[in-house]
Protein backbone atom coordinates (compact mmCIF):
# COMPACT_ATOMS: atom_id res chain seq x y z
CA MET A 1 -15.85 -18.24 -24.32
CA LYS A 2 -13.08 -17.63 -21.76
CA LYS A 3 -14.75 -14.45 -20.51
CA ASN A 4 -18.14 -16.15 -20.28
CA PHE A 5 -16.61 -18.94 -18.19
CA LYS A 6 -14.97 -16.36 -15.89
CA ASN A 7 -18.31 -14.56 -15.50
CA PHE A 8 -19.95 -17.88 -14.65
CA LEU A 9 -17.37 -18.56 -11.93
CA ASP A 10 -17.71 -15.01 -10.57
CA LEU A 11 -21.50 -15.24 -10.46
CA SER A 12 -21.44 -18.68 -8.82
CA PHE A 13 -19.11 -17.45 -6.08
CA ILE A 14 -21.09 -14.24 -5.51
CA LEU A 15 -24.41 -16.11 -5.22
CA PHE A 16 -22.87 -18.73 -2.93
CA THR A 17 -21.48 -16.10 -0.53
CA PHE A 18 -24.39 -13.68 -0.84
CA PRO A 19 -26.34 -14.98 2.22
CA TYR A 20 -23.16 -14.75 4.30
CA ASN A 21 -22.57 -11.15 3.20
CA VAL A 22 -26.17 -10.25 4.00
CA LEU A 23 -25.57 -11.52 7.54
CA ILE A 24 -22.38 -9.44 7.77
CA VAL A 25 -24.36 -6.34 6.84
CA ILE A 26 -27.14 -7.17 9.36
CA PHE A 27 -24.61 -7.66 12.17
CA ASN A 28 -23.12 -4.26 11.35
CA LEU A 29 -26.33 -2.28 10.97
CA ASN A 30 -25.54 -0.37 14.15
CA LYS A 31 -22.33 0.95 12.56
CA ILE A 32 -24.29 2.03 9.49
CA VAL A 33 -26.90 3.86 11.58
CA LYS A 34 -24.29 5.71 13.65
CA SER A 35 -22.18 6.83 10.69
CA ASP A 36 -22.46 10.12 8.77
CA VAL A 37 -20.53 9.02 5.70
CA ILE A 38 -20.02 5.55 4.23
CA ILE A 39 -17.17 4.73 1.86
CA ASN A 40 -17.10 1.49 -0.10
CA PHE A 41 -13.50 0.60 -0.92
CA ASN A 42 -14.05 -1.42 -4.10
CA ALA A 43 -11.23 -0.53 -6.51
CA GLY A 44 -7.45 -0.28 -6.58
CA GLY A 45 -4.59 -2.05 -4.85
CA PHE A 46 -3.02 -1.49 -1.45
CA GLY A 47 -1.73 1.97 -2.38
CA HIS A 48 -5.29 3.11 -3.09
CA GLN A 49 -6.51 1.45 0.10
CA PHE A 50 -3.92 3.36 2.13
CA VAL A 51 -4.57 6.72 0.45
CA LEU A 52 -8.36 6.43 0.52
CA THR A 53 -8.45 5.38 4.18
CA ASP A 54 -6.00 7.98 5.45
CA LEU A 55 -7.28 10.76 3.18
CA SER A 56 -10.76 10.36 4.67
CA ARG A 57 -9.33 11.37 8.07
CA TYR A 58 -8.25 14.73 6.66
CA VAL A 59 -11.20 15.47 4.38
CA LEU A 60 -13.95 14.19 6.72
CA LYS A 61 -12.32 14.85 10.09
CA ASN A 62 -15.55 16.10 11.70
CA LYS A 63 -17.66 13.23 10.35
CA LYS A 64 -18.30 9.70 11.58
CA VAL A 65 -16.93 7.62 8.72
CA LEU A 66 -17.64 3.95 8.05
CA PHE A 67 -15.64 1.90 5.54
CA ILE A 68 -17.20 -1.13 3.88
CA ASN A 69 -14.26 -2.92 2.30
CA PHE A 70 -14.10 -5.34 -0.63
CA LEU A 71 -10.63 -6.75 0.01
CA GLN A 72 -8.48 -9.26 -1.84
CA LYS A 73 -6.03 -11.59 -0.15
CA LYS A 74 -2.37 -10.70 -0.77
CA ARG A 75 -3.44 -7.39 -2.34
CA HIS A 76 -4.96 -5.49 0.59
CA ASN A 77 -4.56 -5.29 4.38
CA LYS A 78 -7.66 -5.87 6.50
CA TYR A 79 -6.09 -4.16 9.54
CA LEU A 80 -5.53 -0.79 7.93
CA CYS A 81 -8.78 0.80 9.12
CA SER A 82 -8.07 -0.41 12.65
CA LEU A 83 -4.64 1.22 12.62
CA PHE A 84 -6.22 4.51 11.54
CA ASN A 85 -8.96 3.95 14.14
CA ILE A 86 -11.75 4.09 11.55
CA SER A 87 -15.01 2.16 11.88
CA HIS A 88 -15.34 -0.56 9.24
CA PHE A 89 -16.39 -4.05 8.24
CA ASN A 90 -15.31 -6.29 5.37
CA ILE A 91 -17.45 -8.02 2.75
CA PHE A 92 -16.39 -11.48 1.54
CA SER A 93 -16.39 -10.36 -2.08
CA SER A 94 -13.73 -12.54 -3.73
CA LEU A 95 -11.49 -15.57 -3.39
CA THR A 96 -7.81 -15.67 -4.36
CA PHE A 97 -6.10 -19.02 -4.89
CA SER A 98 -3.04 -20.51 -6.57
CA PHE A 99 -3.07 -23.20 -9.24
CA PHE A 100 0.14 -24.49 -10.86
CA SER A 101 2.09 -21.54 -9.39
CA LYS A 102 -0.32 -19.02 -10.91
CA SER A 103 -2.66 -16.81 -8.92
CA PHE A 104 -6.38 -16.65 -9.76
CA ILE A 105 -9.25 -14.63 -8.36
CA ILE A 106 -12.99 -15.19 -8.60
CA GLY A 107 -15.89 -13.14 -7.29
CA GLU A 108 -16.64 -9.44 -7.33
CA THR A 109 -13.61 -7.27 -8.05
CA GLU A 110 -13.09 -3.90 -9.72
CA SER A 111 -12.71 -5.62 -13.11
CA SER A 112 -15.76 -7.87 -12.73
CA ASP A 113 -18.81 -7.44 -14.95
CA ILE A 114 -21.06 -8.50 -12.06
CA LYS A 115 -21.51 -6.04 -9.15
CA ILE A 116 -24.19 -7.62 -6.96
CA ASN A 117 -22.57 -6.86 -3.58
CA PHE A 118 -21.86 -3.26 -4.54
CA PHE A 119 -25.44 -2.56 -5.57
CA LEU A 120 -26.72 -4.32 -2.44
CA ILE A 121 -24.62 -2.01 -0.26
CA LYS A 122 -25.60 1.06 -2.27
CA LEU A 123 -29.31 0.21 -2.06
CA LEU A 124 -29.12 -0.40 1.67
CA ILE A 125 -27.31 2.88 2.34
CA SER A 126 -29.92 4.79 0.35
CA LEU A 127 -32.58 3.56 2.80
CA PHE A 128 -30.70 5.25 5.64
CA GLU A 129 -30.13 8.47 3.69
CA LYS A 130 -26.39 8.45 4.28
CA ASP A 131 -23.69 10.04 2.16
CA PHE A 132 -22.20 7.19 0.15
CA PHE A 133 -19.00 7.00 -1.90
CA SER A 134 -17.23 4.34 -3.89
CA THR A 135 -13.45 4.53 -4.28
CA VAL A 136 -13.68 6.51 -7.51
CA SER A 137 -16.52 8.80 -6.44
CA PHE A 138 -14.70 9.73 -3.22
CA TYR A 139 -11.65 10.75 -5.22
CA GLU A 140 -13.91 12.83 -7.46
CA PHE A 141 -15.51 14.41 -4.38
CA VAL A 142 -12.09 15.35 -2.96
CA ILE A 143 -10.90 16.83 -6.26
CA PHE A 144 -14.08 18.93 -6.57
CA LYS A 145 -14.01 20.05 -2.93
CA TYR A 146 -10.45 21.32 -3.22
CA LYS A 147 -10.57 22.52 -6.81
CA ASN A 148 -9.79 26.10 -5.73
CA LEU A 149 -6.89 25.12 -3.48
CA LYS A 150 -4.01 27.45 -4.31
CA ASN A 151 -0.29 26.74 -4.43
CA ILE A 152 -0.77 23.00 -4.26
CA ASN A 153 2.36 20.99 -4.97
CA ARG A 154 2.20 18.75 -8.02
CA VAL A 155 3.32 15.51 -6.47
CA CYS A 156 2.37 12.46 -8.41
CA TYR A 157 2.49 11.56 -12.11
CA TRP A 158 1.13 8.05 -12.04
CA LEU A 159 1.39 6.49 -15.47
CA ASP A 160 0.66 9.35 -17.91
CA GLN A 161 -1.86 11.40 -15.92
CA PRO A 162 -1.36 13.34 -12.67
CA ASP A 163 -3.43 12.02 -9.77
CA ARG A 164 -4.88 15.18 -8.28
CA HIS A 165 -6.30 13.40 -5.22
CA ILE A 166 -2.79 12.21 -4.27
CA ASP A 167 -1.48 15.75 -4.77
CA ILE A 168 -4.12 16.92 -2.28
CA TYR A 169 -3.37 14.07 0.13
CA PHE A 170 0.37 14.75 0.15
CA ASN A 171 -0.25 18.44 0.75
CA PHE A 172 -2.31 17.57 3.82
CA LEU A 173 0.62 15.47 5.03
CA LEU A 174 3.12 18.25 4.39
CA ASN A 175 0.97 20.69 6.34
CA LYS A 176 0.29 18.52 9.39
CA LYS A 177 0.24 14.74 9.79
CA LEU A 178 -2.53 13.27 11.90
CA ARG A 179 -1.51 10.87 14.62
CA ILE A 180 -1.75 7.11 14.24
CA ASN A 181 -4.02 5.86 17.02
CA HIS A 182 -3.73 2.11 17.46
CA SER A 183 -7.10 0.75 18.58
CA THR A 184 -7.37 -1.42 21.69
CA GLN A 185 -8.37 -4.40 19.56
CA VAL A 186 -5.23 -4.19 17.44
CA GLN A 187 -3.03 -3.55 20.47
CA LYS A 188 -4.21 -6.79 22.05
CA LYS A 189 -3.51 -8.76 18.88
CA ILE A 190 0.01 -7.44 18.40
CA TYR A 191 1.07 -7.35 22.06
CA HIS A 192 2.71 -10.79 22.01
CA PHE A 193 5.32 -9.73 19.44
CA SER A 194 5.47 -5.96 19.93
CA GLU A 195 6.94 -6.34 23.40
CA LYS A 196 9.66 -8.63 22.10
CA LEU A 197 10.41 -6.25 19.25
CA PHE A 198 10.36 -2.80 20.82
CA LYS A 199 11.98 -3.57 24.15
CA LYS A 200 15.28 -3.52 22.26
CA LYS A 201 17.02 -0.16 22.25
CA LYS A 202 18.18 -0.32 18.67
CA LYS A 203 16.59 1.88 16.02
CA ILE A 204 13.94 0.14 13.91
CA PHE A 205 14.65 -0.08 10.19
CA ILE A 206 12.07 -1.38 7.72
CA LEU A 207 13.16 -2.60 4.29
CA TYR A 208 10.11 -2.90 2.03
CA ILE A 209 10.74 -4.93 -1.12
CA ARG A 210 8.34 -4.61 -4.03
CA LEU A 211 8.46 -7.63 -6.39
CA LYS A 212 5.46 -7.89 -8.73
CA PHE A 213 5.97 -8.79 -12.38
CA GLY A 214 2.49 -9.52 -13.79
CA SER A 215 2.05 -6.59 -16.19
CA PHE A 216 4.51 -4.15 -17.74
CA ASP A 217 3.23 -1.24 -15.63
CA SER A 218 3.69 -3.34 -12.48
CA ALA A 219 7.02 -4.96 -13.34
CA ILE A 220 8.68 -1.65 -14.20
CA ARG A 221 8.04 -0.41 -10.65
CA SER A 222 9.54 -3.47 -8.96
CA ALA A 223 12.84 -3.93 -7.15
CA SER A 224 15.61 -6.47 -7.72
CA LYS A 225 15.24 -10.26 -7.65
CA ASN A 226 18.91 -10.53 -6.69
CA PHE A 227 18.85 -11.21 -2.95
CA ASN A 228 22.59 -10.75 -2.67
CA HIS A 229 21.81 -7.13 -3.48
CA TYR A 230 19.83 -6.90 -0.20
CA ASN A 231 22.37 -8.82 1.87
CA LYS A 232 24.92 -6.09 1.20
CA ILE A 233 22.43 -3.34 2.10
CA ILE A 234 21.50 -5.19 5.30
CA ASP A 235 25.15 -5.65 6.23
CA PHE A 236 25.67 -1.91 5.80
CA LEU A 237 22.75 -1.06 8.12
CA ILE A 238 23.62 -3.61 10.79
CA LYS A 239 26.93 -1.79 11.27
CA ARG A 240 24.88 1.34 12.01
CA ASN A 241 23.07 -0.38 14.87
CA TYR A 242 19.68 -0.86 13.21
CA PHE A 243 17.20 -3.56 14.16
CA ILE A 244 16.12 -4.67 10.67
CA ILE A 245 12.70 -5.93 9.58
CA ILE A 246 12.06 -6.96 5.97
CA THR A 247 8.52 -6.59 4.63
CA GLY A 248 6.70 -6.81 1.31
CA ASP A 249 7.10 -9.53 -1.33
CA ILE A 250 9.46 -11.77 0.61
CA LYS A 251 8.03 -15.25 0.02
CA ASN A 252 11.30 -16.58 -1.40
CA PHE A 253 13.64 -14.30 0.52
CA ASN A 254 16.70 -16.10 1.91
CA LEU A 255 18.78 -14.42 4.61
CA LYS A 256 22.37 -15.12 5.47
CA LYS A 257 22.70 -17.13 8.70
CA LYS A 258 24.97 -14.49 10.19
CA PHE A 259 22.05 -12.04 10.09
CA SER A 260 19.80 -14.19 12.29
CA ASN A 261 20.18 -12.02 15.42
CA ASP A 262 19.70 -8.69 13.66
CA VAL A 263 17.28 -9.26 10.79
CA PHE A 264 13.68 -10.43 10.98
CA THR A 265 10.49 -10.93 8.99
CA TYR A 266 6.97 -11.47 10.29
CA LYS A 267 7.75 -15.20 10.55
CA ASN A 268 9.93 -14.54 13.61
CA PHE A 269 6.95 -13.17 15.53
CA THR A 270 3.63 -14.34 14.13
CA SER A 271 1.92 -16.09 11.23
CA ASN A 272 -0.19 -12.98 10.62
CA LYS A 273 1.83 -11.11 7.98
CA ASP A 274 -0.72 -8.32 7.38
CA LEU A 275 -1.09 -7.42 11.05
CA PHE A 276 2.62 -7.50 11.76
CA GLU A 277 3.66 -5.43 8.75
CA ALA A 278 0.93 -2.84 9.26
CA TYR A 279 1.94 -2.33 12.88
CA VAL A 280 5.75 -2.25 12.63
CA SER A 281 5.80 -0.27 9.38
CA LEU A 282 4.11 2.67 11.10
CA LYS A 283 6.54 2.63 14.05
CA SER A 284 9.89 2.65 12.26
CA ASP A 285 12.80 5.04 12.66
CA LEU A 286 13.92 4.49 9.07
CA TYR A 287 11.82 3.14 6.19
CA ILE A 288 13.42 2.20 2.89
CA SER A 289 11.16 1.31 -0.04
CA ASP A 290 12.97 -0.60 -2.78
CA GLY A 291 10.62 -0.36 -5.74
CA LEU A 292 7.47 1.72 -5.93
CA GLY A 293 4.31 -0.03 -4.72
CA GLY A 294 1.48 0.15 -2.21
CA GLY A 295 3.83 -0.58 0.69
CA THR A 296 5.74 2.59 -0.19
CA PHE A 297 2.97 4.56 1.54
CA TYR A 298 3.89 3.08 4.92
CA GLY A 299 6.99 5.27 4.81
CA ILE A 300 4.77 8.33 5.19
CA TYR A 301 4.61 7.93 8.96
CA SER A 302 8.19 6.80 9.49
CA LYS A 303 10.61 9.21 11.16
CA LYS A 304 12.73 9.09 8.00
CA ALA A 305 11.91 7.54 4.60
CA ILE A 306 14.20 6.78 1.67
CA GLY A 307 13.21 5.51 -1.78
CA LEU A 308 15.32 3.19 -3.94
CA ASN A 309 14.74 2.26 -7.57
CA PHE A 310 11.65 4.45 -7.99
CA PHE A 311 10.00 4.80 -11.39
CA PRO A 312 8.22 6.68 -12.86
CA LYS A 313 9.52 9.90 -11.35
CA HIS A 314 7.39 11.40 -8.57
CA ASN A 315 7.83 14.39 -6.33
CA TRP A 316 7.41 12.32 -3.17
CA TYR A 317 7.97 15.20 -0.76
CA ILE A 318 7.29 12.90 2.19
CA TYR A 319 10.37 10.87 1.24
CA SER A 320 13.48 12.74 2.30
CA ASN A 321 15.69 11.18 -0.39
CA ILE A 322 14.97 9.14 -3.52
CA LEU A 323 17.23 7.22 -5.88
CA TYR A 324 15.48 6.75 -9.24
CA LYS A 325 16.02 4.00 -11.76
CA ASP A 326 18.06 4.77 -14.86
CA VAL A 327 16.15 5.25 -18.09
CA LEU A 328 18.13 4.38 -21.22
CA ILE A 329 17.54 5.26 -24.85
CA ARG A 330 19.63 3.08 -27.15
CA ARG A 331 21.76 2.10 -24.14
CA LYS A 332 22.41 5.72 -23.15
CA VAL A 333 21.16 7.03 -19.77
CA VAL A 334 18.84 10.02 -20.19
CA ASN A 335 17.21 12.56 -17.88
CA THR A 336 14.05 11.04 -16.33
CA ASN A 337 12.25 14.25 -15.38
CA ASN A 338 9.81 14.12 -18.27
CA ILE A 339 9.71 10.38 -18.94
CA LYS A 340 6.21 8.95 -18.66
CA MET A 341 5.19 5.29 -18.53
CA ARG A 342 3.80 5.10 -22.06
CA LYS A 343 7.09 6.39 -23.49
CA VAL A 344 9.04 3.66 -21.75
CA LYS A 345 6.89 1.06 -23.50
CA ASN A 346 8.51 2.22 -26.71
CA LYS A 347 11.08 -0.36 -27.83
CA ASN A 348 13.84 2.25 -27.82
CA PHE A 349 13.53 2.66 -24.05
CA ASN A 350 14.84 0.50 -21.25
CA VAL A 351 14.74 0.89 -17.47
CA ARG A 352 17.63 -0.26 -15.31
CA ARG A 353 17.85 -0.67 -11.54
CA LYS A 354 20.73 1.00 -9.75
CA SER A 355 23.76 -1.12 -8.95
CA VAL A 356 24.51 -2.17 -5.37
CA THR A 357 27.56 0.10 -5.38
CA LYS A 358 25.47 3.17 -6.29
CA ILE A 359 22.83 2.26 -3.71
CA LEU A 360 25.39 1.87 -0.92
CA ASN A 361 27.00 5.21 -1.82
CA PHE A 362 23.54 6.80 -1.80
CA LEU A 363 22.77 5.34 1.65
CA ARG A 364 26.12 6.46 3.07
CA ASN A 365 25.30 10.02 2.04
CA ASN A 366 21.76 9.95 3.41
CA ILE A 367 21.83 7.95 6.65
CA GLN A 368 24.30 10.11 8.50
CA ILE A 369 21.61 11.93 10.45
CA GLN A 370 21.06 10.52 13.93
CA ILE A 371 17.37 9.70 14.35
């Protein structure tokens, strides 16, 4: 009964917004005609959005690529394609709202049984005889295309299975990173706060905080809820002359008053969180990701990136230094090299975030290099 009611709500929303989405497609027909390859981003969170968008620049660098995005509020960033200078338009595929402090989503998502918008897009593209990929099929295409790639570094062990497409993506990055070309449209939108931010001569430090606790797999990758933990880290970095910007899941983040002249969030510059964080995160001198989430990928293009409280263990070669969470078996810390997510679900396992003392010692040893 509950699932049937959810399907009813999804279908009602999809049918209600369908005429609007048809108009969006019509207004963007010129983009479709001019493109060689069309990718429909329709599955995964922000990490997948970042990887899929950036990976297309390496795999399809001689093609005119168009992204048709099915984005969710608070889960994705609608400015990402603009920052990578990729042609795109967004379909109004779902609605996210809060009710009694809980978040709900209706419409067409990756978990929906109803895929009207997806099949509309796929049918339309077939009329133009364009190469068309969904999120999953593009990953499959990349894996097949580079199946004979030798000496590839095994980078990522997400959950219990290695993600070969991320291995390939990271190897592209290790070989040669493509430049980030901010489009004129985005430059105009961010000008009013970028001038205020970057005219200062201090180094830019981004602290990304990942706090999501919905499912076990998500919660185990999150950072600390103890904001005093961050105040001590911030105090440490202020003394090293960093201009500090905090991004990520910071809705309830409270800063000390004494930090007011050195520490900022998007609220100090604009009401547009997505635009601000996408822009500044790709222009930082130092990027620290506390917890392992989609925002961790922003550190790829920072001059220096450090990971705190990562789990499960990854060979994130693009991060210069990583401090992993402790894994305990019967209260005893064990080696995490071969620990996979499904094993941690066993009742004998527990995962513990590093203490502030250990984090500060780690930072002292790894932020001595002048950037």
